């Protein structure tokens, strides 16, 4: 257990950030899943830019690594073009 006031505050802040980051990561994962399950090419091409923006935001905020973001975008782009 933390003994300093600042340590207790840090624990509160970290928990708040964890829940916030978890929400955005989960939302992005659901969007990626929806894009992967899309069968209509026009619909997938319409969804792709918003999903890429979500992935970029996660990478910018260090929720996911920038290389993971690049790999995800590359795989999604190739999948959308192959529809």
C-alpha atoms as a PDB file:
ATOM      1  CA  UNK A   1       0.000   0.000   0.000  1.00  0.00           C
ATOM      2  CA  UNK A   2       1.253   3.458  -0.853  1.00  0.00           C
ATOM      3  CA  UNK A   3       2.244   5.712   2.032  1.00  0.00           C
ATOM      4  CA  UNK A   4       2.602   9.040   0.254  1.00  0.00           C
ATOM      5  CA  UNK A   5      -0.181  11.286  -0.895  1.00  0.00           C
ATOM      6  CA  UNK A   6       1.400  11.651  -4.329  1.00  0.00           C
ATOM      7  CA  UNK A   7       1.631   7.865  -4.719  1.00  0.00           C
ATOM      8  CA  UNK A   8      -2.060   7.506  -3.904  1.00  0.00           C
ATOM      9  CA  UNK A   9      -2.896  10.173  -6.475  1.00  0.00           C
ATOM     10  CA  UNK A  10      -0.727   8.419  -9.076  1.00  0.00           C
ATOM     11  CA  UNK A  11      -2.617   5.162  -8.428  1.00  0.00           C
ATOM     12  CA  UNK A  12      -5.948   6.955  -8.987  1.00  0.00           C
ATOM     13  CA  UNK A  13      -4.690   8.600 -12.187  1.00  0.00           C
ATOM     14  CA  UNK A  14      -3.245   5.359 -13.559  1.00  0.00           C
ATOM     15  CA  UNK A  15      -6.518   3.502 -13.016  1.00  0.00           C
ATOM     16  CA  UNK A  16      -8.456   6.250 -14.765  1.00  0.00           C
ATOM     17  CA  UNK A  17      -6.044   6.182 -17.734  1.00  0.00           C
ATOM     18  CA  UNK A  18      -6.169   2.379 -17.881  1.00  0.00           C
ATOM     19  CA  UNK A  19      -9.958   2.338 -18.158  1.00  0.00           C
ATOM     20  CA  UNK A  20      -9.887   5.144 -20.746  1.00  0.00           C
ATOM     21  CA  UNK A  21      -7.240   3.405 -22.875  1.00  0.00           C
ATOM     22  CA  UNK A  22      -9.033   0.062 -22.575  1.00  0.00           C
ATOM     23  CA  UNK A  23     -12.244   1.622 -23.917  1.00  0.00           C
ATOM     24  CA  UNK A  24     -10.563   3.091 -27.009  1.00  0.00           C
ATOM     25  CA  UNK A  25      -8.527  -0.059 -27.678  1.00  0.00           C
ATOM     26  CA  UNK A  26     -11.644  -2.250 -27.447  1.00  0.00           C
ATOM     27  CA  UNK A  27     -13.645   0.103 -29.679  1.00  0.00           C
ATOM     28  CA  UNK A  28     -10.882  -0.014 -32.283  1.00  0.00           C
ATOM     29  CA  UNK A  29     -10.659  -3.808 -32.099  1.00  0.00           C
ATOM     30  CA  UNK A  30     -14.410  -4.043 -32.715  1.00  0.00           C
ATOM     31  CA  UNK A  31     -14.113  -1.700 -35.711  1.00  0.00           C
ATOM     32  CA  UNK A  32     -11.257  -3.805 -37.118  1.00  0.00           C
ATOM     33  CA  UNK A  33     -13.338  -6.950 -36.657  1.00  0.00           C
ATOM     34  CA  UNK A  34     -16.292  -5.359 -38.443  1.00  0.00           C
ATOM     35  CA  UNK A  35     -14.035  -4.333 -41.332  1.00  0.00           C
ATOM     36  CA  UNK A  36     -12.554  -7.825 -41.597  1.00  0.00           C
ATOM     37  CA  UNK A  37     -16.033  -9.376 -41.645  1.00  0.00           C
ATOM     38  CA  UNK A  38     -17.322  -6.989 -44.306  1.00  0.00           C
ATOM     39  CA  UNK A  39     -18.158  -8.736 -47.565  1.00  0.00           C
ATOM     40  CA  UNK A  40     -19.172  -5.751 -49.676  1.00  0.00           C
ATOM     41  CA  UNK A  41     -16.173  -3.951 -51.204  1.00  0.00           C
ATOM     42  CA  UNK A  42     -17.858  -0.538 -51.314  1.00  0.00           C
ATOM     43  CA  UNK A  43     -18.835  -0.786 -47.656  1.00  0.00           C
ATOM     44  CA  UNK A  44     -15.334  -1.907 -46.659  1.00  0.00           C
ATOM     45  CA  UNK A  45     -13.721   0.960 -48.592  1.00  0.00           C
ATOM     46  CA  UNK A  46     -16.057   3.367 -46.827  1.00  0.00           C
ATOM     47  CA  UNK A  47     -15.154   1.966 -43.380  1.00  0.00           C
ATOM     48  CA  UNK A  48     -11.400   1.748 -44.010  1.00  0.00           C
ATOM     49  CA  UNK A  49     -10.412   5.443 -43.490  1.00  0.00           C
ATOM     50  CA  UNK A  50     -12.199   5.697 -40.141  1.00  0.00           C
ATOM     51  CA  UNK A  51     -10.614   2.462 -38.886  1.00  0.00           C
ATOM     52  CA  UNK A  52      -7.168   3.672 -39.978  1.00  0.00           C
ATOM     53  CA  UNK A  53      -7.751   6.950 -38.122  1.00  0.00           C
ATOM     54  CA  UNK A  54      -8.632   5.017 -34.967  1.00  0.00           C
ATOM     55  CA  UNK A  55      -5.484   2.892 -35.273  1.00  0.00           C
ATOM     56  CA  UNK A  56      -3.344   5.999 -35.828  1.00  0.00           C
ATOM     57  CA  UNK A  57      -4.768   7.647 -32.712  1.00  0.00           C
ATOM     58  CA  UNK A  58      -3.952   4.582 -30.606  1.00  0.00           C
ATOM     59  CA  UNK A  59      -0.390   4.574 -31.915  1.00  0.00           C
ATOM     60  CA  UNK A  60       0.004   8.321 -31.362  1.00  0.00           C
ATOM     61  CA  UNK A  61      -1.064   7.943 -27.724  1.00  0.00           C
ATOM     62  CA  UNK A  62       1.208   4.895 -27.197  1.00  0.00           C
ATOM     63  CA  UNK A  63      -1.706   2.580 -26.490  1.00  0.00           C
ATOM     64  CA  UNK A  64      -0.358   0.296 -29.237  1.00  0.00           C
ATOM     65  CA  UNK A  65       3.119   0.276 -30.777  1.00  0.00           C
ATOM     66  CA  UNK A  66       3.620   2.196 -34.015  1.00  0.00           C
ATOM     67  CA  UNK A  67       4.850  -0.930 -35.818  1.00  0.00           C
ATOM     68  CA  UNK A  68       1.745  -2.848 -34.746  1.00  0.00           C
ATOM     69  CA  UNK A  69      -0.357   0.009 -36.112  1.00  0.00           C
ATOM     70  CA  UNK A  70       1.522  -0.122 -39.414  1.00  0.00           C
ATOM     71  CA  UNK A  71       1.069  -3.896 -39.645  1.00  0.00           C
ATOM     72  CA  UNK A  72      -2.653  -3.649 -38.917  1.00  0.00           C
ATOM     73  CA  UNK A  73      -3.175  -0.925 -41.532  1.00  0.00           C
ATOM     74  CA  UNK A  74      -1.194  -2.881 -44.128  1.00  0.00           C
ATOM     75  CA  UNK A  75      -3.130  -6.111 -43.552  1.00  0.00           C
ATOM     76  CA  UNK A  76      -6.468  -4.289 -43.628  1.00  0.00           C
ATOM     77  CA  UNK A  77      -5.537  -2.433 -46.822  1.00  0.00           C
ATOM     78  CA  UNK A  78      -4.592  -5.652 -48.590  1.00  0.00           C
ATOM     79  CA  UNK A  79      -7.766  -7.346 -47.388  1.00  0.00           C
ATOM     80  CA  UNK A  80     -10.006  -4.478 -48.546  1.00  0.00           C
ATOM     81  CA  UNK A  81      -8.329  -4.410 -51.973  1.00  0.00           C
ATOM     82  CA  UNK A  82      -8.759  -8.184 -52.373  1.00  0.00           C
ATOM     83  CA  UNK A  83     -12.546  -8.040 -51.863  1.00  0.00           C
END
